[in-house]
Protein backbone atom coordinates (compact mmCIF):
# COMPACT_ATOMS: atom_id res chain seq x y z
CA MET A 1 0.18 10.09 -39.54
CA VAL A 2 2.93 9.34 -37.03
CA LEU A 3 5.31 11.70 -38.84
CA VAL A 4 2.67 14.44 -38.95
CA ALA A 5 2.07 14.04 -35.22
CA LEU A 6 5.81 14.32 -34.58
CA ASN A 7 5.53 17.92 -35.84
CA LEU A 8 2.59 19.03 -33.74
CA ARG A 9 4.55 20.43 -30.78
CA MET A 10 8.10 20.90 -32.13
CA ALA A 11 7.59 24.51 -33.20
CA ILE A 12 6.30 25.27 -29.68
CA THR A 13 8.65 23.38 -27.39
CA SER A 14 11.78 24.37 -29.34
CA LEU A 15 11.08 28.05 -28.67
CA GLY A 16 10.98 27.97 -24.87
CA PRO A 17 14.62 26.95 -24.29
CA LEU A 18 15.79 29.58 -26.82
CA LEU A 19 13.45 32.40 -25.84
CA ASP A 20 16.16 34.48 -24.15
CA GLU A 21 18.35 34.27 -27.26
CA VAL A 22 15.39 35.18 -29.48
CA ARG A 23 14.50 38.17 -27.31
CA THR A 24 18.09 39.40 -27.44
CA GLY A 25 18.63 38.69 -31.12
CA LEU A 26 15.56 40.42 -32.57
CA PRO A 27 15.20 42.30 -30.04
CA MET A 28 11.82 41.43 -28.51
CA SER A 29 9.93 43.24 -25.74
CA ALA A 30 8.31 41.52 -22.78
CA LEU A 31 4.90 42.16 -24.39
CA GLN A 32 5.95 40.50 -27.63
CA ALA A 33 7.43 37.55 -25.75
CA GLY A 34 4.16 37.19 -23.85
CA VAL A 35 2.18 37.24 -27.09
CA VAL A 36 4.31 34.61 -28.78
CA THR A 37 4.12 32.24 -25.81
CA THR A 38 0.31 32.63 -25.66
CA LEU A 39 -0.12 32.12 -29.42
CA PRO A 40 -0.33 28.29 -29.41
CA ALA A 41 -3.56 28.04 -27.42
CA LEU A 42 -5.09 31.01 -29.27
CA ALA A 43 -4.16 29.63 -32.69
CA PHE A 44 -5.43 26.15 -31.84
CA ALA A 45 -8.75 27.67 -30.77
CA ALA A 46 -9.24 30.15 -33.63
CA VAL A 47 -7.91 28.17 -36.59
CA GLY A 48 -9.15 24.84 -35.30
CA SER A 49 -12.72 26.14 -35.26
CA ALA A 50 -12.44 27.01 -38.97
CA THR A 51 -11.18 23.58 -40.03
CA PRO A 52 -14.66 21.98 -40.57
CA TRP A 53 -15.38 24.79 -43.06
CA LEU A 54 -12.16 23.94 -44.88
CA VAL A 55 -12.94 20.21 -44.88
CA ARG A 56 -16.23 20.89 -46.65
CA ARG A 57 -14.28 22.52 -49.50
CA PHE A 58 -11.06 20.51 -49.72
CA SER A 59 -10.19 16.86 -49.19
CA PRO A 60 -8.56 16.12 -45.80
CA PRO A 61 -5.29 14.80 -47.34
CA ARG A 62 -4.89 17.98 -49.42
CA LEU A 63 -5.60 20.07 -46.34
CA LEU A 64 -3.01 18.13 -44.37
CA VAL A 65 -0.37 18.77 -47.05
CA ALA A 66 -1.24 22.48 -46.94
CA ALA A 67 -1.08 22.47 -43.14
CA MET A 68 2.38 20.89 -43.11
CA GLY A 69 3.46 23.38 -45.77
CA ALA A 70 2.25 26.29 -43.65
CA LEU A 71 4.07 24.84 -40.64
CA ALA A 72 7.35 24.48 -42.55
CA LEU A 73 7.06 27.91 -44.19
CA GLY A 74 6.20 29.63 -40.92
CA GLN A 75 9.17 28.08 -39.12
CA LEU A 76 11.55 29.09 -41.91
CA LEU A 77 10.23 32.64 -42.23
CA ARG A 78 10.35 33.36 -38.52
CA VAL A 79 14.06 32.57 -38.31
CA ALA A 80 14.79 34.67 -41.40
CA THR A 81 13.24 37.88 -40.05
CA GLY A 82 14.89 40.54 -37.92
CA ASP A 83 11.62 42.11 -36.77
CA ALA A 84 9.91 40.95 -33.59
CA TRP A 85 6.34 41.45 -34.82
CA LEU A 86 7.13 39.59 -38.04
CA PHE A 87 8.47 36.79 -35.86
CA VAL A 88 5.11 36.74 -34.06
CA ALA A 89 3.17 36.77 -37.36
CA THR A 90 5.20 33.97 -38.95
CA SER A 91 4.95 31.94 -35.75
CA ALA A 92 1.18 32.32 -36.07
CA LEU A 93 1.39 30.90 -39.62
CA ALA A 94 3.26 27.85 -38.35
CA LEU A 95 0.80 27.37 -35.50
CA ALA A 96 -2.14 27.65 -37.92
CA GLY A 97 -0.75 24.61 -39.74
CA ILE A 98 -0.54 22.72 -36.44
CA ALA A 99 -4.11 23.72 -35.54
CA VAL A 100 -5.52 22.30 -38.78
CA ALA A 101 -3.55 19.06 -38.38
CA ASN A 102 -4.74 18.73 -34.77
CA VAL A 103 -8.33 18.59 -35.98
CA LEU A 104 -7.73 16.46 -39.08
CA LEU A 105 -5.82 13.57 -37.52
CA PRO A 106 -8.75 11.98 -35.58
CA MET A 107 -10.82 12.04 -38.79
CA LEU A 108 -8.01 10.54 -40.88
CA VAL A 109 -7.50 7.78 -38.33
CA ARG A 110 -11.19 6.89 -38.61
CA GLN A 111 -11.05 7.10 -42.42
CA TYR A 112 -7.97 4.96 -43.01
CA PHE A 113 -7.94 2.72 -39.91
CA PRO A 114 -11.60 2.26 -38.86
CA HIS A 115 -10.85 -1.01 -37.03
CA ARG A 116 -7.63 0.18 -35.36
CA ILE A 117 -8.65 3.59 -34.01
CA GLY A 118 -7.16 3.00 -30.56
CA LEU A 119 -3.87 1.61 -31.84
CA VAL A 120 -3.25 4.35 -34.41
CA THR A 121 -4.38 7.11 -32.07
CA GLY A 122 -1.97 5.75 -29.48
CA ALA A 123 0.85 5.69 -32.04
CA TYR A 124 0.38 9.30 -33.07
CA SER A 125 -0.17 10.45 -29.47
CA MET A 126 3.13 8.85 -28.54
CA SER A 127 4.81 10.44 -31.56
CA LEU A 128 3.46 13.87 -30.55
CA THR A 129 4.89 13.46 -27.05
CA ILE A 130 8.26 12.30 -28.38
CA GLY A 131 8.42 15.24 -30.79
CA ALA A 132 7.73 17.70 -27.99
CA SER A 133 10.45 16.18 -25.81
CA VAL A 134 13.07 15.90 -28.56
CA ALA A 135 12.60 19.48 -29.74
CA ALA A 136 12.74 20.85 -26.19
CA GLY A 137 15.83 18.84 -25.33
CA THR A 138 17.88 19.39 -28.48
CA ALA A 139 16.99 22.91 -29.66
CA VAL A 140 19.74 24.48 -27.53
CA PRO A 141 22.48 21.95 -28.45
CA ILE A 142 21.62 22.37 -32.15
CA ALA A 143 21.75 26.16 -31.79
CA HIS A 144 25.09 26.01 -29.96
CA ALA A 145 26.55 23.61 -32.53
CA ALA A 146 25.50 25.90 -35.38
CA GLY A 147 26.36 29.10 -33.53
CA SER A 148 22.88 30.58 -34.02
CA TRP A 149 19.48 30.36 -32.35
CA ARG A 150 17.96 30.63 -35.83
CA VAL A 151 19.23 27.17 -36.73
CA GLY A 152 17.97 25.76 -33.44
CA LEU A 153 14.45 26.93 -34.33
CA GLY A 154 14.46 26.54 -38.11
CA PHE A 155 15.84 22.99 -38.11
CA TRP A 156 12.42 21.52 -37.31
CA ALA A 157 10.95 22.79 -40.59
CA LEU A 158 12.71 19.83 -42.23
CA VAL A 159 10.47 17.40 -40.34
CA ALA A 160 7.37 19.27 -41.54
CA VAL A 161 8.62 19.16 -45.13
CA ALA A 162 9.15 15.39 -44.85
CA ALA A 163 5.60 14.91 -43.57
CA ALA A 164 4.17 17.03 -46.40
CA VAL A 165 6.13 15.14 -49.05
CA LEU A 166 4.87 11.76 -47.83
CA TRP A 167 1.25 12.94 -47.99
CA VAL A 168 1.47 14.44 -51.50
CA PRO A 169 0.75 11.12 -53.32
CA ILE A 170 -2.21 10.43 -51.02
CA ALA A 171 -3.56 13.95 -51.61
CA TRP A 172 -3.15 13.54 -55.37
CA ARG A 173 -5.06 10.25 -55.36
CA SER A 174 -7.84 11.76 -53.23
CA ARG A 175 -8.14 14.66 -55.69
CA ARG A 176 -8.47 12.30 -58.65
CA ARG A 177 -11.07 10.20 -56.81
CA ALA A 178 -13.05 13.33 -55.90
CA ALA A 179 -12.99 14.54 -59.51
CA ALA A 180 -14.17 11.15 -60.77
CA ALA A 181 -16.97 11.02 -58.19
CA ALA A 182 -18.07 14.55 -59.13
CA ALA A 183 -18.15 13.62 -62.81
CA ARG A 184 -20.26 10.52 -62.12
CA THR A 185 -22.67 12.56 -60.01
CA ALA A 186 -23.00 15.20 -62.74
CA VAL A 187 -23.84 12.54 -65.34
CA ASP A 188 -26.37 10.79 -63.10
CA ALA A 189 -28.11 13.97 -61.94
CA GLY A 190 -27.87 15.90 -65.19
CA THR A 191 -26.26 18.85 -63.42
CA PRO A 192 -22.65 20.07 -63.25
CA ARG A 193 -22.75 20.60 -59.48
CA PRO A 194 -20.06 18.47 -57.77
CA ALA A 195 -21.05 16.01 -55.07
CA ALA A 196 -18.49 17.48 -52.67
CA ALA A 197 -20.55 20.64 -52.43
CA ALA A 198 -23.34 18.81 -50.69
CA GLY A 199 -21.36 17.86 -47.61
CA VAL A 200 -23.12 17.23 -44.36
CA ARG A 201 -22.75 19.94 -41.73
CA ILE A 202 -22.72 19.00 -38.07
CA ARG A 203 -22.56 21.65 -35.35
CA ALA A 204 -20.97 20.09 -32.28
CA GLY A 205 -21.51 23.33 -30.33
CA ARG A 206 -25.25 22.74 -30.46
CA THR A 207 -25.03 19.37 -28.71
CA ARG A 208 -24.62 18.44 -25.07
CA LEU A 209 -21.93 15.90 -25.96
CA GLY A 210 -19.94 18.56 -27.81
CA TRP A 211 -19.83 20.81 -24.75
CA LEU A 212 -19.05 17.94 -22.39
CA MET A 213 -16.16 16.87 -24.59
CA ALA A 214 -14.87 20.44 -24.81
CA VAL A 215 -14.95 20.89 -21.02
CA PHE A 216 -13.28 17.51 -20.48
CA PHE A 217 -10.51 18.33 -22.95
CA GLY A 218 -10.16 21.84 -21.56
CA ALA A 219 -9.95 20.77 -17.91
CA GLN A 220 -7.20 18.25 -18.57
CA SER A 221 -5.32 20.72 -20.80
CA PHE A 222 -5.70 23.44 -18.16
CA ALA A 223 -3.82 21.25 -15.70
CA ALA A 224 -1.28 19.96 -18.24
CA TYR A 225 -0.28 23.44 -19.45
CA ALA A 226 -0.06 24.69 -15.87
CA GLN A 227 2.21 21.77 -14.98
CA MET A 228 4.43 22.40 -18.00
CA GLY A 229 4.75 26.05 -17.03
CA TRP A 230 5.19 25.80 -13.26
CA LEU A 231 6.14 22.28 -12.14
CA ALA A 232 9.87 22.96 -12.43
CA GLN A 233 9.46 26.03 -10.22
CA LEU A 234 7.61 23.97 -7.62
CA PHE A 235 10.49 21.49 -7.52
CA ARG A 236 13.01 24.32 -7.25
CA ASP A 237 11.09 25.78 -4.33
CA ALA A 238 11.18 22.33 -2.72
CA GLY A 239 14.99 22.45 -2.72
CA PHE A 240 16.09 20.95 -6.04
CA ARG A 241 18.68 22.62 -8.25
CA ALA A 242 17.43 24.14 -11.49
CA GLU A 243 18.96 21.37 -13.58
CA THR A 244 17.36 18.64 -11.45
CA ALA A 245 13.99 20.39 -11.49
CA GLY A 246 14.16 20.50 -15.27
CA LEU A 247 15.01 16.81 -15.44
CA LEU A 248 12.03 15.98 -13.21
CA LEU A 249 9.75 17.93 -15.55
CA ALA A 250 11.27 16.13 -18.54
CA GLY A 251 10.74 12.86 -16.69
CA VAL A 252 7.00 13.46 -16.62
CA THR A 253 7.04 13.72 -20.42
CA ALA A 254 9.28 10.66 -20.79
CA VAL A 255 7.03 8.46 -18.63
CA SER A 256 4.02 9.78 -20.60
CA VAL A 257 5.34 8.32 -23.87
CA PRO A 258 4.35 4.65 -23.32
CA ILE A 259 1.15 5.78 -21.60
CA ALA A 260 0.22 7.76 -24.71
CA MET A 261 0.61 4.58 -26.75
CA VAL A 262 -1.38 2.29 -24.45
CA MET A 263 -4.23 4.57 -23.35
CA PRO A 264 -6.10 4.94 -26.70
CA THR A 265 -5.80 1.20 -27.33
CA LEU A 266 -7.42 0.50 -23.97
CA ALA A 267 -10.10 3.11 -24.67
CA GLY A 268 -10.92 1.48 -28.01
CA ARG A 269 -11.41 -1.93 -26.42
CA MET A 270 -13.51 -0.91 -23.41
CA THR A 271 -17.28 -0.53 -23.44
CA SER A 272 -17.17 2.06 -20.67
CA LEU A 273 -14.23 4.38 -20.07
CA ARG A 274 -15.15 5.08 -16.46
CA PRO A 275 -12.30 2.94 -15.03
CA LEU A 276 -9.81 4.97 -17.08
CA VAL A 277 -11.43 8.28 -16.09
CA LEU A 278 -11.29 7.34 -12.40
CA GLY A 279 -7.81 5.81 -12.62
CA THR A 280 -6.19 8.87 -14.18
CA ALA A 281 -8.06 11.13 -11.75
CA LEU A 282 -6.82 9.12 -8.78
CA ALA A 283 -3.22 9.29 -10.03
CA SER A 284 -3.45 13.07 -10.48
CA GLY A 285 -5.10 13.57 -7.10
CA LEU A 286 -2.42 11.55 -5.29
CA SER A 287 0.33 13.45 -7.08
CA TYR A 288 -1.15 16.82 -6.10
CA ALA A 289 -1.40 15.73 -2.46
CA GLY A 290 2.17 14.45 -2.55
CA LEU A 291 3.54 17.66 -4.10
CA LEU A 292 2.12 19.57 -1.15
CA TRP A 293 3.00 17.01 1.51
CA SER A 294 6.49 15.82 0.53
CA PRO A 295 7.67 17.33 -2.78
CA TYR A 296 11.37 16.61 -2.17
CA ASP A 297 11.69 13.15 -0.65
CA LEU A 298 9.21 11.38 -2.93
CA ALA A 299 9.57 13.54 -6.04
CA LEU A 300 10.05 10.55 -8.36
CA VAL A 301 6.80 9.00 -7.15
CA TRP A 302 4.83 12.19 -7.80
CA MET A 303 6.49 12.50 -11.20
CA VAL A 304 5.28 9.04 -12.24
CA LEU A 305 1.78 9.69 -10.89
CA LEU A 306 1.59 12.98 -12.78
CA ALA A 307 2.52 11.16 -15.98
CA LEU A 308 -0.21 8.58 -15.34
CA GLY A 309 -2.69 11.39 -14.76
CA GLN A 310 -1.69 13.03 -18.04
CA GLY A 311 -2.85 9.88 -19.80
CA THR A 312 -6.14 11.76 -19.96
CA PHE A 313 -4.84 13.63 -23.03
CA PRO A 314 -4.47 10.60 -25.35
CA MET A 315 -7.72 9.25 -23.89
CA ALA A 316 -9.47 12.49 -24.87
CA LEU A 317 -8.06 12.24 -28.41
CA ALA A 318 -9.35 8.67 -28.66
CA MET A 319 -12.76 9.77 -27.37
CA ILE A 320 -13.12 12.16 -30.32
CA GLY A 321 -12.97 9.25 -32.74
CA LEU A 322 -15.16 7.06 -30.55
CA ARG A 323 -17.98 9.56 -30.03
CA ALA A 324 -18.90 10.14 -33.69
CA ARG A 325 -20.08 7.77 -36.41
CA THR A 326 -19.18 9.82 -39.48
CA GLY A 327 -16.21 11.74 -40.83
CA ALA A 328 -18.20 14.98 -40.66
CA GLY A 329 -19.07 14.24 -37.05
CA ILE A 330 -15.46 13.59 -36.11
CA VAL A 331 -14.21 16.80 -37.75
CA SER A 332 -16.91 18.89 -36.09
CA LEU A 333 -16.40 17.28 -32.68
CA SER A 334 -12.60 17.50 -32.99
CA ALA A 335 -12.68 21.17 -34.00
CA PHE A 336 -15.13 22.23 -31.30
CA THR A 337 -13.53 20.14 -28.54
CA GLN A 338 -10.01 21.41 -29.24
CA SER A 339 -10.98 25.02 -29.96
CA VAL A 340 -12.90 25.50 -26.72
CA GLY A 341 -10.52 23.21 -24.84
CA TYR A 342 -7.39 25.14 -25.75
CA LEU A 343 -9.05 28.43 -24.81
CA ILE A 344 -9.63 26.96 -21.35
CA ALA A 345 -6.06 25.62 -21.32
CA ALA A 346 -4.63 29.08 -22.00
CA VAL A 347 -5.92 30.23 -18.61
CA GLY A 348 -4.07 27.46 -16.72
CA PRO A 349 -0.48 28.77 -16.55
CA LEU A 350 -1.69 32.35 -16.11
CA SER A 351 -4.04 31.62 -13.20
CA VAL A 352 -1.54 29.34 -11.44
CA GLY A 353 1.16 31.99 -11.83
CA LEU A 354 -1.09 34.72 -10.44
CA LEU A 355 -2.02 32.64 -7.40
CA TYR A 356 1.62 31.70 -6.79
CA GLY A 357 2.73 35.31 -7.08
CA ARG A 358 0.01 36.54 -4.71
CA THR A 359 0.34 33.85 -2.01
CA GLY A 360 4.02 32.93 -2.29
CA ASP A 361 3.35 29.21 -1.79
CA TRP A 362 1.77 26.31 -3.67
CA VAL A 363 -1.35 25.57 -1.62
CA ALA A 364 -3.71 27.79 -3.62
CA PRO A 365 -2.25 26.95 -7.07
CA VAL A 366 -2.42 23.20 -6.40
CA GLY A 367 -5.90 23.69 -4.95
CA LEU A 368 -6.95 25.23 -8.27
CA LEU A 369 -5.60 22.18 -10.10
CA VAL A 370 -7.68 19.98 -7.79
CA VAL A 371 -10.80 21.97 -8.76
CA ALA A 372 -9.97 21.43 -12.44
CA LEU A 373 -9.47 17.73 -11.73
CA LEU A 374 -12.91 17.47 -10.09
CA VAL A 375 -14.51 19.12 -13.12
CA GLN A 376 -12.59 16.82 -15.46
CA THR A 377 -13.66 13.72 -13.53
CA GLY A 378 -17.31 14.70 -13.30
CA VAL A 379 -17.58 15.49 -17.00
CA GLY A 380 -15.51 12.44 -17.94
CA TRP A 381 -17.90 10.23 -15.99
CA SER A 382 -20.79 11.58 -18.10
CA ILE A 383 -19.15 10.89 -21.48
CA ALA A 384 -17.44 7.62 -20.58
CA ARG A 385 -20.28 5.38 -21.77
CA PRO A 386 -20.92 4.95 -25.53
CA ARG A 387 -22.84 7.80 -27.17
CA TRP A 388 -22.57 9.54 -30.54
CA ILE A 389 -22.86 13.15 -31.52
CA GLU A 390 -25.01 12.40 -34.58
CA ASP A 391 -27.74 10.99 -32.32
CA GLU A 392 -28.08 14.33 -30.51
CA LEU A 393 -28.86 16.13 -33.79
CA ARG A 394 -32.01 14.14 -34.55
């Protein structure tokens, strides 16, 4: 699971540093570049929403192997093409694999580690963050060492292949167990219909908890994606050199790594998550105020507070496993929460950029992030106490 999570942002964060080389090498228009940078949120929303349908037809381990295979194949095909639109299409294939794995991991954690949900969720959240940072930081050096941007992007397919290979034995065992269970059911019932066909269907979109979770996940992702897209520019406007601004942005990710490990463990041990909801909100609010008040002199302080505020992401992942009693409930809640949430997140960098371009300063953009934070906190307060999605379907 940790190795799978390591893959879940590499195909995305490795592209940004090499985007100029990709645009020149293919060549790629501004429209095509815009499409490929918007694809992650769109793919996570569209493909993620279809994952519960897939789970009802295939075992989760087999799906995970297929997802890692799609991720590896997409990354390899996109660096082998010389056509910009084929690059976009093959990138979509890779992102589809990530979208399926995004939804499956909370369910697999509950299935294989029911008494260590917080610990394992923290481990894979930390791995996801490390993977994003490593790919972003080393894609350019790898490309320069190999003399080609194609190597800098395609290299990460090897990690996806490794994850798929490790899951093959688990998928094979799950297939044999499913076949044996279907055979037993056919004998007992006197009918050849397999038991897997009678899976329970839960519609998270028809529950209040499902929508609250989706808005909570979306509000925090809205702010996180906006920060990833524009925080370096804010620091540059404050007087930092481009290299230093980039290091400050990378510092937010680096400080987030241990937080990603600890936050789900805390969430799993607490009866009410309201202290965590309020604590992360306070850290984010203070960082926003500081970025407007003194972005240069106390930049390191605001960087650390931003990282603490981004602890909401691993907390939201842990909440998915903690707000459902069954595997079907987790898959449905995970798919709906992430699909709607990533659609909301896609608006973050765009809206912040539009406000910055129109006003020329950071008051309005940061004000928008404060509004998102208020929504996140209010919704988080409502879902912080124990409740389960299955109870809302009765």
